[in-house]
Amino acid sequence: MVCKRTLAALAATLEKFLDRALCVAGAVACAQLPEFMQQYLQRLGGHLDEVRQQIATWRRVAQESGLTLEQLITRYLANADPVVTRGGGVVRDLIARAEELAAAESALRNASLWARPFIFLRHFDWGIAHGTWNVFRPAVPTTLEGVAYAVVGVGLALAFYHGAVKWPLERWRAAKESKV
């Protein structure tokens, strides 16, 4: 009987430890999301600056030729030489990319605390995310956003613990005891 009580006390202690460890892990993991999004946003801004610089170079080329950028692109695309035509496509794609990046940057910068993760996913760019992940450095955000994400992380960890660990164990114990 003493052994069963000791084992039950040990199991309760381990359960409490696991519960708290998962809460801390959930809080720390989710608190990293705002930091990752911040570093992603910085990288996104760098991509946008670079594309804008390339477009500015093409604008200068057009201006030096007495044309607008749109007129230059039209001439390139109408050219019989396929190499020149592809050049016009490249410039057109640069403009489209700049618009896409500018929309993503603006949406992320102006998003509310709770909308930001959804806007992040809507404008997600695998290349930028991969580059961000390669240089990502975890941090402890001390902003309201970081605290909110940490609280959500605790909630998710508790939900996982109770749904995937505690509840199945309780069912298993009850089934085992009913057989005895």
N, C-alpha and C. Protein backbone atom coordinates (compact mmCIF):
# COMPACT_ATOMS: atom_id res chain seq x y z
N MET A 1 0.82 -1.19 0.00
CA MET A 1 0.00 0.00 0.00
C MET A 1 0.87 1.26 0.00
N VAL A 2 1.95 1.22 0.80
CA VAL A 2 2.86 2.36 0.87
C VAL A 2 3.52 2.57 -0.49
N CYS A 3 3.86 1.48 -1.12
CA CYS A 3 4.52 1.57 -2.43
C CYS A 3 3.59 2.22 -3.46
N LYS A 4 2.28 1.85 -3.42
CA LYS A 4 1.32 2.44 -4.35
C LYS A 4 1.17 3.94 -4.10
N ARG A 5 1.14 4.33 -2.81
CA ARG A 5 1.03 5.76 -2.48
C ARG A 5 2.27 6.52 -2.93
N THR A 6 3.42 5.92 -2.73
CA THR A 6 4.68 6.55 -3.14
C THR A 6 4.70 6.71 -4.66
N LEU A 7 4.30 5.66 -5.36
CA LEU A 7 4.27 5.75 -6.82
C LEU A 7 3.25 6.79 -7.29
N ALA A 8 2.10 6.85 -6.62
CA ALA A 8 1.08 7.83 -6.98
C ALA A 8 1.59 9.24 -6.73
N ALA A 9 2.28 9.46 -5.61
CA ALA A 9 2.85 10.78 -5.30
C ALA A 9 3.92 11.15 -6.32
N LEU A 10 4.75 10.17 -6.67
CA LEU A 10 5.79 10.41 -7.67
C LEU A 10 5.16 10.74 -9.02
N ALA A 11 4.12 10.00 -9.40
CA ALA A 11 3.44 10.26 -10.67
C ALA A 11 2.81 11.65 -10.66
N ALA A 12 2.21 12.05 -9.54
CA ALA A 12 1.60 13.38 -9.44
C ALA A 12 2.66 14.46 -9.56
N THR A 13 3.81 14.25 -8.93
CA THR A 13 4.90 15.22 -9.01
C THR A 13 5.42 15.33 -10.44
N LEU A 14 5.61 14.19 -11.09
CA LEU A 14 6.08 14.19 -12.48
C LEU A 14 5.06 14.87 -13.40
N GLU A 15 3.78 14.61 -13.13
CA GLU A 15 2.72 15.22 -13.93
C GLU A 15 2.74 16.74 -13.79
N LYS A 16 2.90 17.23 -12.56
CA LYS A 16 2.97 18.68 -12.34
C LYS A 16 4.20 19.27 -13.03
N PHE A 17 5.31 18.56 -12.93
CA PHE A 17 6.54 19.03 -13.58
C PHE A 17 6.35 19.09 -15.09
N LEU A 18 5.78 18.04 -15.67
CA LEU A 18 5.55 18.00 -17.11
C LEU A 18 4.60 19.12 -17.53
N ASP A 19 3.56 19.31 -16.75
CA ASP A 19 2.59 20.37 -17.01
C ASP A 19 3.29 21.73 -17.08
N ARG A 20 4.10 22.03 -16.09
CA ARG A 20 4.78 23.33 -16.04
C ARG A 20 5.87 23.45 -17.10
N ALA A 21 6.58 22.36 -17.34
CA ALA A 21 7.63 22.39 -18.36
C ALA A 21 7.03 22.66 -19.74
N LEU A 22 5.90 22.02 -20.02
CA LEU A 22 5.24 22.26 -21.30
C LEU A 22 4.72 23.69 -21.40
N CYS A 23 4.23 24.24 -20.29
CA CYS A 23 3.76 25.64 -20.29
C CYS A 23 4.91 26.59 -20.60
N VAL A 24 6.06 26.36 -19.97
CA VAL A 24 7.22 27.22 -20.23
C VAL A 24 7.68 27.06 -21.68
N ALA A 25 7.74 25.82 -22.16
CA ALA A 25 8.16 25.58 -23.54
C ALA A 25 7.19 26.24 -24.52
N GLY A 26 5.90 26.12 -24.26
CA GLY A 26 4.90 26.75 -25.13
C GLY A 26 5.02 28.26 -25.13
N ALA A 27 5.23 28.83 -23.93
CA ALA A 27 5.37 30.29 -23.83
C ALA A 27 6.60 30.77 -24.57
N VAL A 28 7.72 30.11 -24.37
CA VAL A 28 8.98 30.52 -25.02
C VAL A 28 8.87 30.35 -26.54
N ALA A 29 8.31 29.22 -26.98
CA ALA A 29 8.20 28.98 -28.43
C ALA A 29 7.29 30.00 -29.09
N CYS A 30 6.13 30.23 -28.53
CA CYS A 30 5.19 31.18 -29.16
C CYS A 30 5.68 32.62 -29.04
N ALA A 31 6.43 32.93 -28.00
CA ALA A 31 6.96 34.29 -27.86
C ALA A 31 8.00 34.59 -28.94
N GLN A 32 8.52 33.55 -29.60
CA GLN A 32 9.49 33.76 -30.67
C GLN A 32 8.81 34.19 -31.97
N LEU A 33 7.52 33.93 -32.10
CA LEU A 33 6.83 34.28 -33.35
C LEU A 33 6.90 35.77 -33.67
N PRO A 34 6.63 36.67 -32.69
CA PRO A 34 6.76 38.09 -33.03
C PRO A 34 8.19 38.46 -33.42
N GLU A 35 9.17 37.83 -32.77
CA GLU A 35 10.57 38.11 -33.10
C GLU A 35 10.90 37.64 -34.51
N PHE A 36 10.42 36.44 -34.87
CA PHE A 36 10.66 35.93 -36.21
C PHE A 36 10.00 36.85 -37.24
N MET A 37 8.74 37.27 -36.96
CA MET A 37 8.04 38.15 -37.89
C MET A 37 8.76 39.49 -38.02
N GLN A 38 9.35 39.98 -36.92
CA GLN A 38 10.09 41.24 -36.97
C GLN A 38 11.34 41.09 -37.84
N GLN A 39 12.07 40.00 -37.65
CA GLN A 39 13.27 39.78 -38.46
C GLN A 39 12.89 39.52 -39.92
N TYR A 40 11.78 38.83 -40.15
CA TYR A 40 11.26 38.61 -41.50
C TYR A 40 10.93 39.95 -42.15
N LEU A 41 10.27 40.82 -41.39
CA LEU A 41 9.88 42.13 -41.90
C LEU A 41 11.11 42.96 -42.29
N GLN A 42 12.15 42.88 -41.50
CA GLN A 42 13.39 43.59 -41.83
C GLN A 42 13.99 43.06 -43.12
N ARG A 43 13.98 41.75 -43.26
CA ARG A 43 14.52 41.14 -44.48
C ARG A 43 13.64 41.49 -45.69
N LEU A 44 12.33 41.49 -45.49
CA LEU A 44 11.39 41.88 -46.54
C LEU A 44 11.67 43.31 -46.99
N GLY A 45 11.90 44.20 -46.04
CA GLY A 45 12.23 45.59 -46.36
C GLY A 45 13.52 45.69 -47.17
N GLY A 46 14.49 44.85 -46.85
CA GLY A 46 15.75 44.83 -47.62
C GLY A 46 15.52 44.39 -49.06
N HIS A 47 14.69 43.37 -49.24
CA HIS A 47 14.35 42.92 -50.59
C HIS A 47 13.65 44.03 -51.36
N LEU A 48 12.73 44.70 -50.69
CA LEU A 48 11.98 45.79 -51.33
C LEU A 48 12.92 46.93 -51.73
N ASP A 49 13.82 47.30 -50.84
CA ASP A 49 14.79 48.37 -51.16
C ASP A 49 15.63 48.00 -52.37
N GLU A 50 16.07 46.75 -52.44
CA GLU A 50 16.91 46.30 -53.56
C GLU A 50 16.13 46.34 -54.88
N VAL A 51 14.89 45.86 -54.87
CA VAL A 51 14.09 45.88 -56.09
C VAL A 51 13.82 47.32 -56.53
N ARG A 52 13.53 48.18 -55.58
CA ARG A 52 13.30 49.60 -55.92
C ARG A 52 14.55 50.23 -56.52
N GLN A 53 15.71 49.86 -56.01
CA GLN A 53 16.96 50.39 -56.55
C GLN A 53 17.16 49.92 -57.99
N GLN A 54 16.85 48.66 -58.26
CA GLN A 54 16.97 48.15 -59.63
C GLN A 54 16.00 48.87 -60.57
N ILE A 55 14.78 49.10 -60.10
CA ILE A 55 13.80 49.82 -60.92
C ILE A 55 14.26 51.25 -61.17
N ALA A 56 14.86 51.88 -60.17
CA ALA A 56 15.38 53.25 -60.34
C ALA A 56 16.46 53.27 -61.42
N THR A 57 17.29 52.25 -61.46
CA THR A 57 18.32 52.15 -62.51
C THR A 57 17.66 52.08 -63.88
N TRP A 58 16.62 51.26 -64.01
CA TRP A 58 15.91 51.15 -65.29
C TRP A 58 15.20 52.45 -65.65
N ARG A 59 14.70 53.17 -64.65
CA ARG A 59 14.05 54.47 -64.92
C ARG A 59 15.08 55.45 -65.50
N ARG A 60 16.30 55.42 -64.92
CA ARG A 60 17.36 56.30 -65.44
C ARG A 60 17.70 55.94 -66.89
N VAL A 61 17.77 54.65 -67.19
CA VAL A 61 18.04 54.21 -68.56
C VAL A 61 16.95 54.72 -69.48
N ALA A 62 15.70 54.59 -69.06
CA ALA A 62 14.57 55.07 -69.87
C ALA A 62 14.64 56.58 -70.06
N GLN A 63 14.90 57.29 -68.95
CA GLN A 63 14.96 58.76 -69.01
C GLN A 63 16.09 59.21 -69.93
N GLU A 64 17.24 58.55 -69.85
CA GLU A 64 18.37 58.91 -70.71
C GLU A 64 18.05 58.65 -72.18
N SER A 65 17.09 57.76 -72.42
CA SER A 65 16.65 57.45 -73.79
C SER A 65 15.46 58.30 -74.20
N GLY A 66 15.04 59.21 -73.32
CA GLY A 66 13.90 60.07 -73.63
C GLY A 66 12.56 59.35 -73.52
N LEU A 67 12.50 58.30 -72.70
CA LEU A 67 11.28 57.50 -72.56
C LEU A 67 10.88 57.40 -71.09
N THR A 68 9.63 57.02 -70.88
CA THR A 68 9.23 56.63 -69.53
C THR A 68 9.59 55.16 -69.36
N LEU A 69 9.55 54.69 -68.17
CA LEU A 69 9.87 53.27 -67.92
C LEU A 69 8.86 52.38 -68.65
N GLU A 70 7.60 52.77 -68.65
CA GLU A 70 6.57 51.98 -69.32
C GLU A 70 6.82 51.91 -70.83
N GLN A 71 7.25 53.05 -71.39
CA GLN A 71 7.56 53.07 -72.83
C GLN A 71 8.77 52.19 -73.14
N LEU A 72 9.75 52.21 -72.26
CA LEU A 72 10.93 51.37 -72.44
C LEU A 72 10.54 49.89 -72.42
N ILE A 73 9.71 49.52 -71.46
CA ILE A 73 9.26 48.12 -71.36
C ILE A 73 8.50 47.73 -72.62
N THR A 74 7.62 48.60 -73.10
CA THR A 74 6.84 48.32 -74.31
C THR A 74 7.75 48.11 -75.50
N ARG A 75 8.78 48.92 -75.62
CA ARG A 75 9.73 48.76 -76.75
C ARG A 75 10.48 47.44 -76.64
N TYR A 76 10.92 47.14 -75.44
CA TYR A 76 11.62 45.87 -75.25
C TYR A 76 10.72 44.70 -75.62
N LEU A 77 9.48 44.72 -75.15
CA LEU A 77 8.57 43.60 -75.40
C LEU A 77 8.19 43.49 -76.87
N ALA A 78 8.19 44.62 -77.61
CA ALA A 78 7.82 44.62 -79.03
C ALA A 78 9.01 44.29 -79.93
N ASN A 79 10.20 44.21 -79.38
CA ASN A 79 11.41 43.98 -80.17
C ASN A 79 11.39 42.57 -80.75
N ALA A 80 11.91 42.43 -81.97
CA ALA A 80 11.95 41.14 -82.64
C ALA A 80 13.01 40.21 -82.03
N ASP A 81 14.00 40.78 -81.40
CA ASP A 81 15.07 39.98 -80.79
C ASP A 81 14.55 39.38 -79.46
N PRO A 82 14.48 38.05 -79.35
CA PRO A 82 13.95 37.42 -78.13
C PRO A 82 14.75 37.75 -76.87
N VAL A 83 16.02 38.03 -77.02
CA VAL A 83 16.84 38.39 -75.85
C VAL A 83 16.38 39.73 -75.31
N VAL A 84 16.15 40.68 -76.18
CA VAL A 84 15.68 42.00 -75.77
C VAL A 84 14.27 41.89 -75.19
N THR A 85 13.43 41.07 -75.82
CA THR A 85 12.06 40.87 -75.32
C THR A 85 12.09 40.33 -73.89
N ARG A 86 12.94 39.36 -73.63
CA ARG A 86 13.07 38.81 -72.26
C ARG A 86 13.52 39.89 -71.29
N GLY A 87 14.36 40.81 -71.74
CA GLY A 87 14.78 41.93 -70.89
C GLY A 87 13.60 42.79 -70.46
N GLY A 88 12.68 43.02 -71.39
CA GLY A 88 11.46 43.77 -71.05
C GLY A 88 10.62 43.03 -70.03
N GLY A 89 10.57 41.71 -70.16
CA GLY A 89 9.84 40.89 -69.19
C GLY A 89 10.47 40.95 -67.81
N VAL A 90 11.79 41.01 -67.78
CA VAL A 90 12.49 41.10 -66.49
C VAL A 90 12.14 42.41 -65.79
N VAL A 91 12.14 43.50 -66.52
CA VAL A 91 11.81 44.80 -65.93
C VAL A 91 10.36 44.80 -65.46
N ARG A 92 9.47 44.28 -66.27
CA ARG A 92 8.05 44.19 -65.88
C ARG A 92 7.88 43.34 -64.61
N ASP A 93 8.62 42.23 -64.53
CA ASP A 93 8.56 41.37 -63.34
C ASP A 93 9.12 42.07 -62.11
N LEU A 94 10.15 42.91 -62.31
CA LEU A 94 10.71 43.67 -61.18
C LEU A 94 9.66 44.61 -60.60
N ILE A 95 8.91 45.26 -61.48
CA ILE A 95 7.86 46.18 -61.02
C ILE A 95 6.78 45.41 -60.27
N ALA A 96 6.38 44.27 -60.79
CA ALA A 96 5.36 43.45 -60.12
C ALA A 96 5.87 42.98 -58.76
N ARG A 97 7.13 42.59 -58.70
CA ARG A 97 7.72 42.14 -57.43
C ARG A 97 7.76 43.28 -56.42
N ALA A 98 8.11 44.47 -56.88
CA ALA A 98 8.14 45.63 -55.97
C ALA A 98 6.75 45.90 -55.41
N GLU A 99 5.73 45.80 -56.24
CA GLU A 99 4.36 46.02 -55.77
C GLU A 99 3.96 44.96 -54.75
N GLU A 100 4.32 43.73 -55.03
CA GLU A 100 4.00 42.61 -54.12
C GLU A 100 4.70 42.80 -52.77
N LEU A 101 5.98 43.11 -52.80
CA LEU A 101 6.74 43.31 -51.57
C LEU A 101 6.25 44.53 -50.79
N ALA A 102 5.92 45.60 -51.50
CA ALA A 102 5.42 46.81 -50.83
C ALA A 102 4.08 46.55 -50.16
N ALA A 103 3.21 45.79 -50.82
CA ALA A 103 1.91 45.44 -50.22
C ALA A 103 2.11 44.59 -48.97
N ALA A 104 3.01 43.62 -49.05
CA ALA A 104 3.28 42.76 -47.90
C ALA A 104 3.87 43.55 -46.73
N GLU A 105 4.82 44.41 -47.04
CA GLU A 105 5.46 45.21 -45.98
C GLU A 105 4.45 46.13 -45.31
N SER A 106 3.65 46.81 -46.10
CA SER A 106 2.65 47.72 -45.56
C SER A 106 1.62 46.97 -44.71
N ALA A 107 1.16 45.84 -45.21
CA ALA A 107 0.16 45.06 -44.47
C ALA A 107 0.72 44.58 -43.14
N LEU A 108 1.96 44.10 -43.13
CA LEU A 108 2.56 43.62 -41.89
C LEU A 108 2.83 44.75 -40.90
N ARG A 109 3.34 45.85 -41.41
CA ARG A 109 3.64 46.99 -40.52
C ARG A 109 2.38 47.57 -39.88
N ASN A 110 1.27 47.55 -40.60
CA ASN A 110 0.05 48.18 -40.12
C ASN A 110 -0.93 47.20 -39.48
N ALA A 111 -0.55 45.93 -39.38
CA ALA A 111 -1.45 44.92 -38.83
C ALA A 111 -1.58 45.06 -37.31
N SER A 112 -2.76 44.73 -36.83
CA SER A 112 -2.99 44.73 -35.38
C SER A 112 -2.33 43.49 -34.77
N LEU A 113 -2.24 43.49 -33.48
CA LEU A 113 -1.61 42.39 -32.75
C LEU A 113 -2.19 41.04 -33.14
N TRP A 114 -3.51 40.93 -33.19
CA TRP A 114 -4.15 39.63 -33.44
C TRP A 114 -4.25 39.31 -34.92
N ALA A 115 -4.22 40.33 -35.77
CA ALA A 115 -4.31 40.08 -37.22
C ALA A 115 -2.94 39.75 -37.82
N ARG A 116 -1.86 40.18 -37.17
CA ARG A 116 -0.52 40.03 -37.74
C ARG A 116 -0.18 38.61 -38.18
N PRO A 117 -0.44 37.57 -37.36
CA PRO A 117 -0.06 36.23 -37.84
C PRO A 117 -0.81 35.81 -39.11
N PHE A 118 -2.07 36.22 -39.24
CA PHE A 118 -2.84 35.87 -40.42
C PHE A 118 -2.37 36.64 -41.64
N ILE A 119 -2.03 37.90 -41.44
CA ILE A 119 -1.50 38.72 -42.54
C ILE A 119 -0.12 38.20 -42.93
N PHE A 120 0.66 37.80 -41.93
CA PHE A 120 1.97 37.21 -42.20
C PHE A 120 1.81 35.98 -43.10
N LEU A 121 0.87 35.12 -42.77
CA LEU A 121 0.66 33.91 -43.58
C LEU A 121 0.12 34.24 -44.97
N ARG A 122 -0.72 35.28 -45.07
CA ARG A 122 -1.28 35.66 -46.36
C ARG A 122 -0.18 36.17 -47.30
N HIS A 123 0.80 36.88 -46.76
CA HIS A 123 1.86 37.46 -47.59
C HIS A 123 3.17 36.67 -47.47
N PHE A 124 3.10 35.47 -46.99
CA PHE A 124 4.29 34.66 -46.72
C PHE A 124 5.08 34.41 -48.00
N ASP A 125 6.39 34.59 -47.92
CA ASP A 125 7.30 34.34 -49.03
C ASP A 125 8.34 33.33 -48.55
N TRP A 126 8.34 32.15 -49.17
CA TRP A 126 9.23 31.08 -48.72
C TRP A 126 10.70 31.48 -48.78
N GLY A 127 11.09 32.18 -49.82
CA GLY A 127 12.50 32.58 -49.96
C GLY A 127 12.93 33.51 -48.84
N ILE A 128 12.09 34.49 -48.54
CA ILE A 128 12.43 35.43 -47.47
C ILE A 128 12.39 34.72 -46.12
N ALA A 129 11.40 33.85 -45.93
CA ALA A 129 11.31 33.11 -44.66
C ALA A 129 12.52 32.20 -44.48
N HIS A 130 12.94 31.54 -45.54
CA HIS A 130 14.12 30.66 -45.46
C HIS A 130 15.36 31.48 -45.09
N GLY A 131 15.53 32.61 -45.76
CA GLY A 131 16.66 33.48 -45.44
C GLY A 131 16.60 34.00 -44.02
N THR A 132 15.40 34.32 -43.55
CA THR A 132 15.23 34.80 -42.17
C THR A 132 15.58 33.69 -41.20
N TRP A 133 15.09 32.48 -41.47
CA TRP A 133 15.35 31.35 -40.56
C TRP A 133 16.84 31.06 -40.46
N ASN A 134 17.56 31.21 -41.58
CA ASN A 134 19.00 30.91 -41.58
C ASN A 134 19.80 31.84 -40.67
N VAL A 135 19.28 33.05 -40.44
CA VAL A 135 20.00 34.00 -39.59
C VAL A 135 19.22 34.35 -38.32
N PHE A 136 18.10 33.67 -38.11
CA PHE A 136 17.22 33.97 -36.97
C PHE A 136 17.95 33.77 -35.65
N ARG A 137 17.79 34.74 -34.77
CA ARG A 137 18.33 34.66 -33.42
C ARG A 137 17.17 34.82 -32.45
N PRO A 138 16.91 33.80 -31.65
CA PRO A 138 15.81 33.93 -30.68
C PRO A 138 16.05 35.10 -29.73
N ALA A 139 14.96 35.65 -29.28
CA ALA A 139 15.04 36.78 -28.35
C ALA A 139 13.85 36.69 -27.40
N VAL A 140 13.93 37.42 -26.34
CA VAL A 140 12.82 37.48 -25.39
C VAL A 140 12.12 38.82 -25.62
N PRO A 141 11.03 38.80 -26.39
CA PRO A 141 10.34 40.05 -26.65
C PRO A 141 9.65 40.55 -25.38
N THR A 142 9.85 41.80 -25.07
CA THR A 142 9.25 42.39 -23.86
C THR A 142 8.11 43.33 -24.23
N THR A 143 7.55 43.12 -25.39
CA THR A 143 6.44 43.94 -25.85
C THR A 143 5.12 43.28 -25.45
N LEU A 144 4.05 44.03 -25.57
CA LEU A 144 2.72 43.48 -25.32
C LEU A 144 2.47 42.30 -26.26
N GLU A 145 2.92 42.43 -27.48
CA GLU A 145 2.75 41.36 -28.46
C GLU A 145 3.47 40.10 -28.01
N GLY A 146 4.71 40.23 -27.52
CA GLY A 146 5.45 39.07 -27.03
C GLY A 146 4.76 38.39 -25.87
N VAL A 147 4.24 39.19 -24.94
CA VAL A 147 3.51 38.64 -23.79
C VAL A 147 2.24 37.94 -24.25
N ALA A 148 1.52 38.56 -25.17
CA ALA A 148 0.27 37.95 -25.67
C ALA A 148 0.56 36.61 -26.34
N TYR A 149 1.60 36.54 -27.14
CA TYR A 149 1.95 35.29 -27.80
C TYR A 149 2.41 34.25 -26.77
N ALA A 150 3.11 34.68 -25.74
CA ALA A 150 3.52 33.76 -24.68
C ALA A 150 2.31 33.17 -23.97
N VAL A 151 1.32 34.00 -23.70
CA VAL A 151 0.09 33.51 -23.06
C VAL A 151 -0.62 32.51 -23.97
N VAL A 152 -0.69 32.82 -25.24
CA VAL A 152 -1.28 31.88 -26.19
C VAL A 152 -0.48 30.57 -26.19
N GLY A 153 0.83 30.68 -26.12
CA GLY A 153 1.68 29.49 -26.07
C GLY A 153 1.39 28.63 -24.84
N VAL A 154 1.17 29.26 -23.70
CA VAL A 154 0.82 28.52 -22.48
C VAL A 154 -0.51 27.79 -22.71
N GLY A 155 -1.47 28.50 -23.27
CA GLY A 155 -2.78 27.88 -23.54
C GLY A 155 -2.67 26.70 -24.48
N LEU A 156 -1.88 26.85 -25.54
CA LEU A 156 -1.70 25.75 -26.49
C LEU A 156 -0.99 24.57 -25.84
N ALA A 157 0.02 24.85 -25.01
CA ALA A 157 0.74 23.78 -24.33
C ALA A 157 -0.18 23.04 -23.36
N LEU A 158 -0.99 23.79 -22.63
CA LEU A 158 -1.93 23.14 -21.70
C LEU A 158 -2.96 22.30 -22.46
N ALA A 159 -3.45 22.83 -23.56
CA ALA A 159 -4.41 22.08 -24.36
C ALA A 159 -3.77 20.80 -24.89
N PHE A 160 -2.54 20.90 -25.37
CA PHE A 160 -1.83 19.71 -25.84
C PHE A 160 -1.64 18.71 -24.70
N TYR A 161 -1.18 19.22 -23.57
CA TYR A 161 -0.92 18.34 -22.42
C TYR A 161 -2.19 17.60 -21.99
N HIS A 162 -3.26 18.35 -21.81
CA HIS A 162 -4.49 17.72 -21.33
C HIS A 162 -5.13 16.82 -22.39
N GLY A 163 -5.03 17.20 -23.65
CA GLY A 163 -5.65 16.41 -24.71
C GLY A 163 -4.83 15.23 -25.18
N ALA A 164 -3.52 15.37 -25.17
CA ALA A 164 -2.66 14.32 -25.73
C ALA A 164 -1.91 13.51 -24.68
N VAL A 165 -1.86 13.99 -23.44
CA VAL A 165 -1.10 13.27 -22.41
C VAL A 165 -2.01 12.88 -21.25
N LYS A 166 -2.54 13.87 -20.57
CA LYS A 166 -3.27 13.61 -19.33
C LYS A 166 -4.56 12.80 -19.57
N TRP A 167 -5.38 13.24 -20.49
CA TRP A 167 -6.65 12.57 -20.74
C TRP A 167 -6.43 11.11 -21.19
N PRO A 168 -5.54 10.84 -22.16
CA PRO A 168 -5.31 9.44 -22.54
C PRO A 168 -4.77 8.59 -21.38
N LEU A 169 -3.89 9.17 -20.55
CA LEU A 169 -3.38 8.41 -19.41
C LEU A 169 -4.48 8.10 -18.41
N GLU A 170 -5.34 9.07 -18.16
CA GLU A 170 -6.46 8.83 -17.24
C GLU A 170 -7.39 7.76 -17.78
N ARG A 171 -7.64 7.77 -19.07
CA ARG A 171 -8.48 6.73 -19.68
C ARG A 171 -7.81 5.37 -19.57
N TRP A 172 -6.51 5.32 -19.80
CA TRP A 172 -5.77 4.07 -19.71
C TRP A 172 -5.80 3.53 -18.28
N ARG A 173 -5.56 4.43 -17.29
CA ARG A 173 -5.60 4.00 -15.88
C ARG A 173 -6.99 3.49 -15.51
N ALA A 174 -8.03 4.23 -15.93
CA ALA A 174 -9.40 3.81 -15.61
C ALA A 174 -9.72 2.47 -16.23
N ALA A 175 -9.27 2.26 -17.46
CA ALA A 175 -9.51 0.98 -18.13
C ALA A 175 -8.75 -0.14 -17.43
N LYS A 176 -7.54 0.15 -16.99
CA LYS A 176 -6.72 -0.86 -16.31
C LYS A 176 -7.34 -1.21 -14.96
N GLU A 177 -7.82 -0.19 -14.22
CA GLU A 177 -8.43 -0.43 -12.91
C GLU A 177 -9.76 -1.14 -13.03
N SER A 178 -10.50 -0.91 -14.09
CA SER A 178 -11.78 -1.59 -14.25
C SER A 178 -11.59 -3.07 -14.58
N LYS A 179 -10.45 -3.43 -15.13
CA LYS A 179 -10.15 -4.83 -15.43
C LYS A 179 -9.73 -5.59 -14.17
N VAL A 180 -9.22 -4.86 -13.18
CA VAL A 180 -8.74 -5.51 -11.95
C VAL A 180 -9.85 -5.84 -11.03
